Full PDB file with SEQRES, HELIX, SHEET, SSBOND, CRYST1, ORIGX, SCALE, CONECT and MASTER records, all heavy atoms in Angstrom:
SEQRES   1 A   41  ILE TYR ALA LEU VAL THR ILE PRO LEU MET PHE ILE VAL          
SEQRES   2 A   41  VAL GLY ILE PRO LEU PHE ILE ALA LEU ALA ILE THR ASN          
SEQRES   3 A   41  VAL ILE PHE VAL VAL ILE ALA SER ILE ARG THR ASN GLU          
SEQRES   4 A   41  GLY ARG                                                      
HELIX    1 AA1 TYR A    2  LEU A    9  1                                   8    
HELIX    2 AA2 MET A   10  ILE A   12  5                                   3    
HELIX    3 AA3 GLY A   15  ASN A   38  1                                  24    
CRYST1    1.000    1.000    1.000  90.00  90.00  90.00 P 1           1          
ORIGX1      1.000000  0.000000  0.000000        0.00000                         
ORIGX2      0.000000  1.000000  0.000000        0.00000                         
ORIGX3      0.000000  0.000000  1.000000        0.00000                         
SCALE1      1.000000  0.000000  0.000000        0.00000                         
SCALE2      0.000000  1.000000  0.000000        0.00000                         
SCALE3      0.000000  0.000000  1.000000        0.00000                         
ATOM      1  N   ILE A   1       5.349  -7.751  -2.267  1.00  0.00           N  
ATOM      2  CA  ILE A   1       5.455  -8.913  -1.446  1.00  0.00           C  
ATOM      3  C   ILE A   1       4.298  -8.908  -0.482  1.00  0.00           C  
ATOM      4  O   ILE A   1       3.555  -9.889  -0.296  1.00  0.00           O  
ATOM      5  CB  ILE A   1       6.798  -9.031  -0.749  1.00  0.00           C  
ATOM      6  CG1 ILE A   1       7.892  -9.379  -1.796  1.00  0.00           C  
ATOM      7  CG2 ILE A   1       6.762 -10.113   0.374  1.00  0.00           C  
ATOM      8  CD1 ILE A   1       9.276  -9.224  -1.291  1.00  0.00           C  
ATOM      9  N   TYR A   2       4.082  -7.724   0.243  1.00  0.00           N  
ATOM     10  CA  TYR A   2       2.970  -7.644   1.140  1.00  0.00           C  
ATOM     11  C   TYR A   2       1.656  -7.950   0.447  1.00  0.00           C  
ATOM     12  O   TYR A   2       0.729  -8.582   1.052  1.00  0.00           O  
ATOM     13  CB  TYR A   2       2.986  -6.232   1.764  1.00  0.00           C  
ATOM     14  CG  TYR A   2       4.344  -5.860   2.500  1.00  0.00           C  
ATOM     15  CD1 TYR A   2       4.694  -4.482   2.532  1.00  0.00           C  
ATOM     16  CD2 TYR A   2       5.088  -6.888   3.077  1.00  0.00           C  
ATOM     17  CE1 TYR A   2       5.817  -4.115   3.102  1.00  0.00           C  
ATOM     18  CE2 TYR A   2       6.300  -6.371   3.739  1.00  0.00           C  
ATOM     19  CZ  TYR A   2       6.595  -5.096   3.780  1.00  0.00           C  
ATOM     20  OH  TYR A   2       7.797  -4.767   4.457  1.00  0.00           O  
ATOM     21  N   ALA A   3       1.488  -7.451  -0.746  1.00  0.00           N  
ATOM     22  CA  ALA A   3       0.107  -7.641  -1.480  1.00  0.00           C  
ATOM     23  C   ALA A   3      -0.043  -9.100  -1.842  1.00  0.00           C  
ATOM     24  O   ALA A   3      -1.088  -9.663  -1.633  1.00  0.00           O  
ATOM     25  CB  ALA A   3       0.148  -6.769  -2.687  1.00  0.00           C  
ATOM     26  N   LEU A   4       1.092  -9.755  -2.181  1.00  0.00           N  
ATOM     27  CA  LEU A   4       0.965 -11.238  -2.515  1.00  0.00           C  
ATOM     28  C   LEU A   4       0.643 -12.015  -1.318  1.00  0.00           C  
ATOM     29  O   LEU A   4      -0.095 -13.055  -1.426  1.00  0.00           O  
ATOM     30  CB  LEU A   4       2.297 -11.703  -3.236  1.00  0.00           C  
ATOM     31  CG  LEU A   4       2.586 -11.167  -4.562  1.00  0.00           C  
ATOM     32  CD1 LEU A   4       3.935 -11.498  -5.092  1.00  0.00           C  
ATOM     33  CD2 LEU A   4       1.479 -11.621  -5.603  1.00  0.00           C  
ATOM     34  N   VAL A   5       1.093 -11.607  -0.080  1.00  0.00           N  
ATOM     35  CA  VAL A   5       0.768 -12.300   1.072  1.00  0.00           C  
ATOM     36  C   VAL A   5      -0.725 -12.094   1.398  1.00  0.00           C  
ATOM     37  O   VAL A   5      -1.309 -13.028   1.984  1.00  0.00           O  
ATOM     38  CB  VAL A   5       1.662 -11.781   2.203  1.00  0.00           C  
ATOM     39  CG1 VAL A   5       1.113 -12.258   3.549  1.00  0.00           C  
ATOM     40  CG2 VAL A   5       3.057 -12.254   2.054  1.00  0.00           C  
ATOM     41  N   THR A   6      -1.327 -11.002   1.084  1.00  0.00           N  
ATOM     42  CA  THR A   6      -2.714 -10.715   1.464  1.00  0.00           C  
ATOM     43  C   THR A   6      -3.669 -11.441   0.533  1.00  0.00           C  
ATOM     44  O   THR A   6      -4.779 -11.729   0.859  1.00  0.00           O  
ATOM     45  CB  THR A   6      -3.068  -9.228   1.373  1.00  0.00           C  
ATOM     46  OG1 THR A   6      -2.865  -8.771   0.093  1.00  0.00           O  
ATOM     47  CG2 THR A   6      -2.208  -8.410   2.336  1.00  0.00           C  
ATOM     48  N   ILE A   7      -3.269 -11.865  -0.657  1.00  0.00           N  
ATOM     49  CA  ILE A   7      -4.028 -12.515  -1.690  1.00  0.00           C  
ATOM     50  C   ILE A   7      -4.714 -13.750  -1.054  1.00  0.00           C  
ATOM     51  O   ILE A   7      -5.937 -13.924  -1.108  1.00  0.00           O  
ATOM     52  CB  ILE A   7      -3.395 -12.646  -3.049  1.00  0.00           C  
ATOM     53  CG1 ILE A   7      -3.217 -11.354  -3.666  1.00  0.00           C  
ATOM     54  CG2 ILE A   7      -4.193 -13.628  -3.941  1.00  0.00           C  
ATOM     55  CD1 ILE A   7      -2.389 -11.359  -4.975  1.00  0.00           C  
ATOM     56  N   PRO A   8      -3.963 -14.690  -0.520  1.00  0.00           N  
ATOM     57  CA  PRO A   8      -4.575 -15.924   0.077  1.00  0.00           C  
ATOM     58  C   PRO A   8      -5.542 -15.549   1.240  1.00  0.00           C  
ATOM     59  O   PRO A   8      -6.419 -16.262   1.485  1.00  0.00           O  
ATOM     60  CB  PRO A   8      -3.451 -16.709   0.607  1.00  0.00           C  
ATOM     61  CG  PRO A   8      -2.210 -16.205  -0.126  1.00  0.00           C  
ATOM     62  CD  PRO A   8      -2.472 -14.834  -0.517  1.00  0.00           C  
ATOM     63  N   LEU A   9      -5.100 -14.454   1.920  1.00  0.00           N  
ATOM     64  CA  LEU A   9      -5.997 -14.011   3.078  1.00  0.00           C  
ATOM     65  C   LEU A   9      -7.358 -13.603   2.615  1.00  0.00           C  
ATOM     66  O   LEU A   9      -8.235 -13.406   3.468  1.00  0.00           O  
ATOM     67  CB  LEU A   9      -5.251 -12.997   3.963  1.00  0.00           C  
ATOM     68  CG  LEU A   9      -3.895 -13.410   4.581  1.00  0.00           C  
ATOM     69  CD1 LEU A   9      -3.260 -12.293   5.279  1.00  0.00           C  
ATOM     70  CD2 LEU A   9      -4.241 -14.593   5.512  1.00  0.00           C  
ATOM     71  N   MET A  10      -7.548 -13.092   1.364  1.00  0.00           N  
ATOM     72  CA  MET A  10      -8.770 -12.723   0.868  1.00  0.00           C  
ATOM     73  C   MET A  10      -9.852 -13.806   0.948  1.00  0.00           C  
ATOM     74  O   MET A  10     -11.069 -13.552   0.974  1.00  0.00           O  
ATOM     75  CB  MET A  10      -8.577 -12.213  -0.574  1.00  0.00           C  
ATOM     76  CG  MET A  10      -7.882 -10.915  -0.628  1.00  0.00           C  
ATOM     77  SD  MET A  10      -7.906 -10.363  -2.279  1.00  0.00           S  
ATOM     78  CE  MET A  10      -6.914  -8.901  -2.220  1.00  0.00           C  
ATOM     79  N   PHE A  11      -9.481 -15.029   0.970  1.00  0.00           N  
ATOM     80  CA  PHE A  11     -10.367 -16.138   0.963  1.00  0.00           C  
ATOM     81  C   PHE A  11     -11.098 -16.201   2.391  1.00  0.00           C  
ATOM     82  O   PHE A  11     -12.109 -16.817   2.520  1.00  0.00           O  
ATOM     83  CB  PHE A  11      -9.721 -17.467   0.619  1.00  0.00           C  
ATOM     84  CG  PHE A  11      -9.260 -17.515  -0.809  1.00  0.00           C  
ATOM     85  CD1 PHE A  11      -7.974 -17.482  -1.172  1.00  0.00           C  
ATOM     86  CD2 PHE A  11     -10.239 -17.605  -1.787  1.00  0.00           C  
ATOM     87  CE1 PHE A  11      -7.639 -17.477  -2.455  1.00  0.00           C  
ATOM     88  CE2 PHE A  11      -9.849 -17.593  -3.181  1.00  0.00           C  
ATOM     89  CZ  PHE A  11      -8.505 -17.579  -3.540  1.00  0.00           C  
ATOM     90  N   ILE A  12     -10.403 -15.654   3.411  1.00  0.00           N  
ATOM     91  CA  ILE A  12     -10.968 -15.645   4.716  1.00  0.00           C  
ATOM     92  C   ILE A  12     -11.375 -14.195   5.027  1.00  0.00           C  
ATOM     93  O   ILE A  12     -11.467 -13.888   6.191  1.00  0.00           O  
ATOM     94  CB  ILE A  12     -10.092 -16.231   5.890  1.00  0.00           C  
ATOM     95  CG1 ILE A  12      -8.615 -15.579   5.750  1.00  0.00           C  
ATOM     96  CG2 ILE A  12      -9.891 -17.774   5.550  1.00  0.00           C  
ATOM     97  CD1 ILE A  12      -7.825 -16.029   7.011  1.00  0.00           C  
ATOM     98  N   VAL A  13     -11.559 -13.338   4.051  1.00  0.00           N  
ATOM     99  CA  VAL A  13     -12.089 -12.013   4.127  1.00  0.00           C  
ATOM    100  C   VAL A  13     -11.118 -11.001   4.732  1.00  0.00           C  
ATOM    101  O   VAL A  13     -11.127  -9.851   4.370  1.00  0.00           O  
ATOM    102  CB  VAL A  13     -13.442 -11.967   4.815  1.00  0.00           C  
ATOM    103  CG1 VAL A  13     -14.082 -10.551   4.832  1.00  0.00           C  
ATOM    104  CG2 VAL A  13     -14.456 -12.939   4.247  1.00  0.00           C  
ATOM    105  N   VAL A  14     -10.314 -11.392   5.606  1.00  0.00           N  
ATOM    106  CA  VAL A  14      -9.384 -10.365   6.317  1.00  0.00           C  
ATOM    107  C   VAL A  14      -8.382  -9.774   5.325  1.00  0.00           C  
ATOM    108  O   VAL A  14      -7.970  -8.653   5.501  1.00  0.00           O  
ATOM    109  CB  VAL A  14      -8.634 -11.071   7.508  1.00  0.00           C  
ATOM    110  CG1 VAL A  14      -7.554 -12.120   6.972  1.00  0.00           C  
ATOM    111  CG2 VAL A  14      -8.006 -10.037   8.340  1.00  0.00           C  
ATOM    112  N   GLY A  15      -8.216 -10.425   4.214  1.00  0.00           N  
ATOM    113  CA  GLY A  15      -7.191  -9.910   3.185  1.00  0.00           C  
ATOM    114  C   GLY A  15      -7.700  -8.809   2.429  1.00  0.00           C  
ATOM    115  O   GLY A  15      -6.874  -7.985   1.967  1.00  0.00           O  
ATOM    116  N   ILE A  16      -9.010  -8.653   2.288  1.00  0.00           N  
ATOM    117  CA  ILE A  16      -9.621  -7.579   1.485  1.00  0.00           C  
ATOM    118  C   ILE A  16      -9.239  -6.232   2.192  1.00  0.00           C  
ATOM    119  O   ILE A  16      -8.765  -5.327   1.399  1.00  0.00           O  
ATOM    120  CB  ILE A  16     -11.040  -7.792   1.267  1.00  0.00           C  
ATOM    121  CG1 ILE A  16     -11.325  -9.017   0.346  1.00  0.00           C  
ATOM    122  CG2 ILE A  16     -11.731  -6.511   0.598  1.00  0.00           C  
ATOM    123  CD1 ILE A  16     -12.770  -9.506   0.289  1.00  0.00           C  
ATOM    124  N   PRO A  17      -9.563  -5.938   3.490  1.00  0.00           N  
ATOM    125  CA  PRO A  17      -9.266  -4.678   3.944  1.00  0.00           C  
ATOM    126  C   PRO A  17      -7.681  -4.449   4.038  1.00  0.00           C  
ATOM    127  O   PRO A  17      -7.221  -3.283   3.955  1.00  0.00           O  
ATOM    128  CB  PRO A  17      -9.861  -4.668   5.463  1.00  0.00           C  
ATOM    129  CG  PRO A  17     -10.331  -6.081   5.658  1.00  0.00           C  
ATOM    130  CD  PRO A  17     -10.399  -6.823   4.357  1.00  0.00           C  
ATOM    131  N   LEU A  18      -6.922  -5.556   4.286  1.00  0.00           N  
ATOM    132  CA  LEU A  18      -5.531  -5.428   4.245  1.00  0.00           C  
ATOM    133  C   LEU A  18      -4.979  -4.939   2.953  1.00  0.00           C  
ATOM    134  O   LEU A  18      -4.112  -4.086   2.828  1.00  0.00           O  
ATOM    135  CB  LEU A  18      -4.835  -6.774   4.674  1.00  0.00           C  
ATOM    136  CG  LEU A  18      -4.902  -7.101   6.072  1.00  0.00           C  
ATOM    137  CD1 LEU A  18      -4.307  -8.551   6.389  1.00  0.00           C  
ATOM    138  CD2 LEU A  18      -4.171  -6.110   7.055  1.00  0.00           C  
ATOM    139  N   PHE A  19      -5.508  -5.469   1.879  1.00  0.00           N  
ATOM    140  CA  PHE A  19      -5.087  -5.114   0.435  1.00  0.00           C  
ATOM    141  C   PHE A  19      -5.410  -3.681   0.194  1.00  0.00           C  
ATOM    142  O   PHE A  19      -4.690  -2.930  -0.316  1.00  0.00           O  
ATOM    143  CB  PHE A  19      -5.793  -6.064  -0.496  1.00  0.00           C  
ATOM    144  CG  PHE A  19      -5.178  -5.932  -1.924  1.00  0.00           C  
ATOM    145  CD1 PHE A  19      -4.039  -6.655  -2.268  1.00  0.00           C  
ATOM    146  CD2 PHE A  19      -5.851  -5.186  -2.851  1.00  0.00           C  
ATOM    147  CE1 PHE A  19      -3.519  -6.507  -3.513  1.00  0.00           C  
ATOM    148  CE2 PHE A  19      -5.330  -5.014  -4.125  1.00  0.00           C  
ATOM    149  CZ  PHE A  19      -4.108  -5.656  -4.444  1.00  0.00           C  
ATOM    150  N   ILE A  20      -6.589  -3.231   0.608  1.00  0.00           N  
ATOM    151  CA  ILE A  20      -7.022  -1.881   0.430  1.00  0.00           C  
ATOM    152  C   ILE A  20      -6.191  -1.053   1.287  1.00  0.00           C  
ATOM    153  O   ILE A  20      -5.794   0.089   0.713  1.00  0.00           O  
ATOM    154  CB  ILE A  20      -8.510  -1.746   0.754  1.00  0.00           C  
ATOM    155  CG1 ILE A  20      -9.416  -2.499  -0.181  1.00  0.00           C  
ATOM    156  CG2 ILE A  20      -8.889  -0.204   0.862  1.00  0.00           C  
ATOM    157  CD1 ILE A  20     -10.833  -2.651   0.188  1.00  0.00           C  
ATOM    158  N   ALA A  21      -5.802  -1.367   2.497  1.00  0.00           N  
ATOM    159  CA  ALA A  21      -4.961  -0.516   3.294  1.00  0.00           C  
ATOM    160  C   ALA A  21      -3.528  -0.496   2.617  1.00  0.00           C  
ATOM    161  O   ALA A  21      -2.938   0.651   2.706  1.00  0.00           O  
ATOM    162  CB  ALA A  21      -4.870  -1.117   4.760  1.00  0.00           C  
ATOM    163  N   LEU A  22      -3.086  -1.534   2.045  1.00  0.00           N  
ATOM    164  CA  LEU A  22      -1.795  -1.435   1.443  1.00  0.00           C  
ATOM    165  C   LEU A  22      -1.761  -0.574   0.237  1.00  0.00           C  
ATOM    166  O   LEU A  22      -0.798   0.246   0.000  1.00  0.00           O  
ATOM    167  CB  LEU A  22      -1.329  -2.843   0.869  1.00  0.00           C  
ATOM    168  CG  LEU A  22      -0.678  -3.813   1.929  1.00  0.00           C  
ATOM    169  CD1 LEU A  22      -0.578  -5.161   1.334  1.00  0.00           C  
ATOM    170  CD2 LEU A  22       0.694  -3.276   2.376  1.00  0.00           C  
ATOM    171  N   ALA A  23      -2.779  -0.567  -0.623  1.00  0.00           N  
ATOM    172  CA  ALA A  23      -3.055   0.286  -1.749  1.00  0.00           C  
ATOM    173  C   ALA A  23      -2.953   1.746  -1.256  1.00  0.00           C  
ATOM    174  O   ALA A  23      -2.304   2.595  -1.938  1.00  0.00           O  
ATOM    175  CB  ALA A  23      -4.228  -0.002  -2.550  1.00  0.00           C  
ATOM    176  N   ILE A  24      -3.754   2.078  -0.308  1.00  0.00           N  
ATOM    177  CA  ILE A  24      -3.851   3.491   0.189  1.00  0.00           C  
ATOM    178  C   ILE A  24      -2.483   3.940   0.774  1.00  0.00           C  
ATOM    179  O   ILE A  24      -2.022   4.999   0.515  1.00  0.00           O  
ATOM    180  CB  ILE A  24      -4.927   3.714   1.256  1.00  0.00           C  
ATOM    181  CG1 ILE A  24      -6.299   3.470   0.673  1.00  0.00           C  
ATOM    182  CG2 ILE A  24      -4.836   4.934   1.928  1.00  0.00           C  
ATOM    183  CD1 ILE A  24      -7.477   3.277   1.531  1.00  0.00           C  
ATOM    184  N   THR A  25      -1.838   3.017   1.571  1.00  0.00           N  
ATOM    185  CA  THR A  25      -0.527   3.334   2.139  1.00  0.00           C  
ATOM    186  C   THR A  25       0.551   3.535   1.011  1.00  0.00           C  
ATOM    187  O   THR A  25       1.293   4.520   1.037  1.00  0.00           O  
ATOM    188  CB  THR A  25      -0.019   2.161   2.944  1.00  0.00           C  
ATOM    189  OG1 THR A  25      -0.977   1.965   4.011  1.00  0.00           O  
ATOM    190  CG2 THR A  25       1.352   2.424   3.532  1.00  0.00           C  
ATOM    191  N   ASN A  26       0.418   2.756  -0.053  1.00  0.00           N  
ATOM    192  CA  ASN A  26       1.408   2.947  -1.265  1.00  0.00           C  
ATOM    193  C   ASN A  26       1.216   4.279  -1.863  1.00  0.00           C  
ATOM    194  O   ASN A  26       2.152   5.056  -2.006  1.00  0.00           O  
ATOM    195  CB  ASN A  26       1.053   1.851  -2.266  1.00  0.00           C  
ATOM    196  CG  ASN A  26       2.147   1.693  -3.285  1.00  0.00           C  
ATOM    197  OD1 ASN A  26       3.058   2.449  -3.315  1.00  0.00           O  
ATOM    198  ND2 ASN A  26       2.006   0.717  -4.188  1.00  0.00           N  
ATOM    199  N   VAL A  27      -0.006   4.669  -2.057  1.00  0.00           N  
ATOM    200  CA  VAL A  27      -0.266   5.972  -2.702  1.00  0.00           C  
ATOM    201  C   VAL A  27       0.164   7.190  -1.740  1.00  0.00           C  
ATOM    202  O   VAL A  27       0.877   8.054  -2.242  1.00  0.00           O  
ATOM    203  CB  VAL A  27      -1.843   6.178  -3.045  1.00  0.00           C  
ATOM    204  CG1 VAL A  27      -2.110   7.581  -3.479  1.00  0.00           C  
ATOM    205  CG2 VAL A  27      -2.163   5.205  -4.127  1.00  0.00           C  
ATOM    206  N   ILE A  28      -0.139   7.039  -0.609  1.00  0.00           N  
ATOM    207  CA  ILE A  28       0.225   8.146   0.412  1.00  0.00           C  
ATOM    208  C   ILE A  28       1.823   8.321   0.461  1.00  0.00           C  
ATOM    209  O   ILE A  28       2.337   9.375   0.332  1.00  0.00           O  
ATOM    210  CB  ILE A  28      -0.304   7.776   1.780  1.00  0.00           C  
ATOM    211  CG1 ILE A  28      -1.761   8.040   1.821  1.00  0.00           C  
ATOM    212  CG2 ILE A  28       0.318   8.717   2.827  1.00  0.00           C  
ATOM    213  CD1 ILE A  28      -2.496   7.567   3.067  1.00  0.00           C  
ATOM    214  N   PHE A  29       2.548   7.157   0.591  1.00  0.00           N  
ATOM    215  CA  PHE A  29       3.944   7.293   0.753  1.00  0.00           C  
ATOM    216  C   PHE A  29       4.624   7.694  -0.620  1.00  0.00           C  
ATOM    217  O   PHE A  29       5.649   8.315  -0.640  1.00  0.00           O  
ATOM    218  CB  PHE A  29       4.600   6.030   1.220  1.00  0.00           C  
ATOM    219  CG  PHE A  29       4.296   5.823   2.629  1.00  0.00           C  
ATOM    220  CD1 PHE A  29       4.013   4.566   3.195  1.00  0.00           C  
ATOM    221  CD2 PHE A  29       4.426   6.837   3.622  1.00  0.00           C  
ATOM    222  CE1 PHE A  29       3.766   4.376   4.524  1.00  0.00           C  
ATOM    223  CE2 PHE A  29       4.198   6.620   4.988  1.00  0.00           C  
ATOM    224  CZ  PHE A  29       3.887   5.364   5.387  1.00  0.00           C  
ATOM    225  N   VAL A  30       4.094   7.335  -1.754  1.00  0.00           N  
ATOM    226  CA  VAL A  30       4.585   7.684  -3.049  1.00  0.00           C  
ATOM    227  C   VAL A  30       4.415   9.170  -3.225  1.00  0.00           C  
ATOM    228  O   VAL A  30       5.318   9.927  -3.678  1.00  0.00           O  
ATOM    229  CB  VAL A  30       3.913   6.969  -4.238  1.00  0.00           C  
ATOM    230  CG1 VAL A  30       4.149   7.657  -5.517  1.00  0.00           C  
ATOM    231  CG2 VAL A  30       4.418   5.465  -4.249  1.00  0.00           C  
ATOM    232  N   VAL A  31       3.253   9.736  -2.790  1.00  0.00           N  
ATOM    233  CA  VAL A  31       3.004  11.147  -2.925  1.00  0.00           C  
ATOM    234  C   VAL A  31       3.950  11.929  -2.036  1.00  0.00           C  
ATOM    235  O   VAL A  31       4.471  12.849  -2.363  1.00  0.00           O  
ATOM    236  CB  VAL A  31       1.598  11.525  -2.577  1.00  0.00           C  
ATOM    237  CG1 VAL A  31       1.342  13.083  -2.433  1.00  0.00           C  
ATOM    238  CG2 VAL A  31       0.638  10.915  -3.666  1.00  0.00           C  
ATOM    239  N   ILE A  32       4.191  11.458  -0.802  1.00  0.00           N  
ATOM    240  CA  ILE A  32       5.099  12.169   0.150  1.00  0.00           C  
ATOM    241  C   ILE A  32       6.482  12.083  -0.487  1.00  0.00           C  
ATOM    242  O   ILE A  32       7.170  13.096  -0.444  1.00  0.00           O  
ATOM    243  CB  ILE A  32       5.088  11.484   1.455  1.00  0.00           C  
ATOM    244  CG1 ILE A  32       3.739  11.636   2.204  1.00  0.00           C  
ATOM    245  CG2 ILE A  32       6.229  11.867   2.403  1.00  0.00           C  
ATOM    246  CD1 ILE A  32       3.514  10.847   3.459  1.00  0.00           C  
ATOM    247  N   ALA A  33       6.877  10.944  -0.914  1.00  0.00           N  
ATOM    248  CA  ALA A  33       8.249  10.868  -1.495  1.00  0.00           C  
ATOM    249  C   ALA A  33       8.456  11.702  -2.706  1.00  0.00           C  
ATOM    250  O   ALA A  33       9.440  12.328  -2.907  1.00  0.00           O  
ATOM    251  CB  ALA A  33       8.527   9.367  -1.911  1.00  0.00           C  
ATOM    252  N   SER A  34       7.395  11.838  -3.545  1.00  0.00           N  
ATOM    253  CA  SER A  34       7.413  12.743  -4.749  1.00  0.00           C  
ATOM    254  C   SER A  34       7.598  14.186  -4.308  1.00  0.00           C  
ATOM    255  O   SER A  34       8.312  14.933  -4.915  1.00  0.00           O  
ATOM    256  CB  SER A  34       6.120  12.513  -5.509  1.00  0.00           C  
ATOM    257  OG  SER A  34       6.041  11.170  -6.000  1.00  0.00           O  
ATOM    258  N   ILE A  35       6.810  14.676  -3.318  1.00  0.00           N  
ATOM    259  CA  ILE A  35       6.913  16.004  -2.846  1.00  0.00           C  
ATOM    260  C   ILE A  35       8.247  16.370  -2.293  1.00  0.00           C  
ATOM    261  O   ILE A  35       8.907  17.301  -2.590  1.00  0.00           O  
ATOM    262  CB  ILE A  35       5.790  16.301  -1.703  1.00  0.00           C  
ATOM    263  CG1 ILE A  35       4.431  16.247  -2.421  1.00  0.00           C  
ATOM    264  CG2 ILE A  35       6.071  17.699  -1.076  1.00  0.00           C  
ATOM    265  CD1 ILE A  35       3.306  16.252  -1.514  1.00  0.00           C  
ATOM    266  N   ARG A  36       8.790  15.404  -1.442  1.00  0.00           N  
ATOM    267  CA  ARG A  36      10.120  15.668  -0.847  1.00  0.00           C  
ATOM    268  C   ARG A  36      11.185  15.696  -1.929  1.00  0.00           C  
ATOM    269  O   ARG A  36      12.192  16.485  -1.860  1.00  0.00           O  
ATOM    270  CB  ARG A  36      10.416  14.586   0.263  1.00  0.00           C  
ATOM    271  CG  ARG A  36       9.498  14.668   1.369  1.00  0.00           C  
ATOM    272  CD  ARG A  36      10.205  14.951   2.665  1.00  0.00           C  
ATOM    273  NE  ARG A  36       9.166  15.070   3.701  1.00  0.00           N  
ATOM    274  CZ  ARG A  36       8.927  14.281   4.625  1.00  0.00           C  
ATOM    275  NH1 ARG A  36       9.585  13.107   4.643  1.00  0.00           N  
ATOM    276  NH2 ARG A  36       8.018  14.621   5.582  1.00  0.00           N  
ATOM    277  N   THR A  37      11.128  14.717  -2.941  1.00  0.00           N  
ATOM    278  CA  THR A  37      12.143  14.711  -3.962  1.00  0.00           C  
ATOM    279  C   THR A  37      12.043  15.913  -4.828  1.00  0.00           C  
ATOM    280  O   THR A  37      13.046  16.432  -5.225  1.00  0.00           O  
ATOM    281  CB  THR A  37      11.835  13.360  -4.784  1.00  0.00           C  
ATOM    282  OG1 THR A  37      11.982  12.242  -3.886  1.00  0.00           O  
ATOM    283  CG2 THR A  37      12.910  13.236  -5.867  1.00  0.00           C  
ATOM    284  N   ASN A  38      10.839  16.373  -5.070  1.00  0.00           N  
ATOM    285  CA  ASN A  38      10.669  17.607  -5.852  1.00  0.00           C  
ATOM    286  C   ASN A  38      11.304  18.799  -5.162  1.00  0.00           C  
ATOM    287  O   ASN A  38      11.768  19.820  -5.811  1.00  0.00           O  
ATOM    288  CB  ASN A  38       9.212  17.901  -6.277  1.00  0.00           C  
ATOM    289  CG  ASN A  38       9.076  18.892  -7.248  1.00  0.00           C  
ATOM    290  OD1 ASN A  38       9.834  18.834  -8.269  1.00  0.00           O  
ATOM    291  ND2 ASN A  38       8.115  19.831  -7.046  1.00  0.00           N  
ATOM    292  N   GLU A  39      11.441  18.787  -3.827  1.00  0.00           N  
ATOM    293  CA  GLU A  39      12.073  19.774  -3.061  1.00  0.00           C  
ATOM    294  C   GLU A  39      13.469  19.551  -3.093  1.00  0.00           C  
ATOM    295  O   GLU A  39      14.253  20.357  -2.553  1.00  0.00           O  
ATOM    296  CB  GLU A  39      11.486  19.837  -1.686  1.00  0.00           C  
ATOM    297  CG  GLU A  39      10.097  20.217  -1.627  1.00  0.00           C  
ATOM    298  CD  GLU A  39       9.586  19.933  -0.151  1.00  0.00           C  
ATOM    299  OE1 GLU A  39      10.189  19.253   0.661  1.00  0.00           O  
ATOM    300  OE2 GLU A  39       8.400  20.386   0.122  1.00  0.00           O  
ATOM    301  N   GLY A  40      14.048  18.543  -3.665  1.00  0.00           N  
ATOM    302  CA  GLY A  40      15.546  18.232  -3.739  1.00  0.00           C  
ATOM    303  C   GLY A  40      16.018  17.449  -2.459  1.00  0.00           C  
ATOM    304  O   GLY A  40      17.249  17.358  -2.245  1.00  0.00           O  
ATOM    305  N   ARG A  41      15.002  16.922  -1.731  1.00  0.00           N  
ATOM    306  CA  ARG A  41      15.411  16.247  -0.554  1.00  0.00           C  
ATOM    307  C   ARG A  41      15.138  14.702  -0.664  1.00  0.00           C  
ATOM    308  O   ARG A  41      14.311  14.339  -1.456  1.00  0.00           O  
ATOM    309  CB  ARG A  41      14.488  16.597   0.721  1.00  0.00           C  
ATOM    310  CG  ARG A  41      14.743  18.136   1.116  1.00  0.00           C  
ATOM    311  CD  ARG A  41      13.702  18.703   1.992  1.00  0.00           C  
ATOM    312  NE  ARG A  41      13.047  17.778   2.807  1.00  0.00           N  
ATOM    313  CZ  ARG A  41      11.971  18.105   3.481  1.00  0.00           C  
ATOM    314  NH1 ARG A  41      11.335  19.225   3.365  1.00  0.00           N  
ATOM    315  NH2 ARG A  41      11.355  17.237   4.319  1.00  0.00           N  
TER     316      ARG A  41                                                      
MASTER        0    0    0    3    0    0    0    6  315    1    0    4          
END                                                                             
C-alpha cells in the first residue's frame, strides 16, 4: 500500500527516494524478522 501511494509521487520526483527508502526498509525488517524467528522468537 505504501509503495502504491509513492508511485503517483514519482511524477513530482519526491516518490523516487520514498520508494527506494521503502524497499530498503522492507529488506531490513524482513532480515531482522528472519533472524529473530530463526532464534525461535
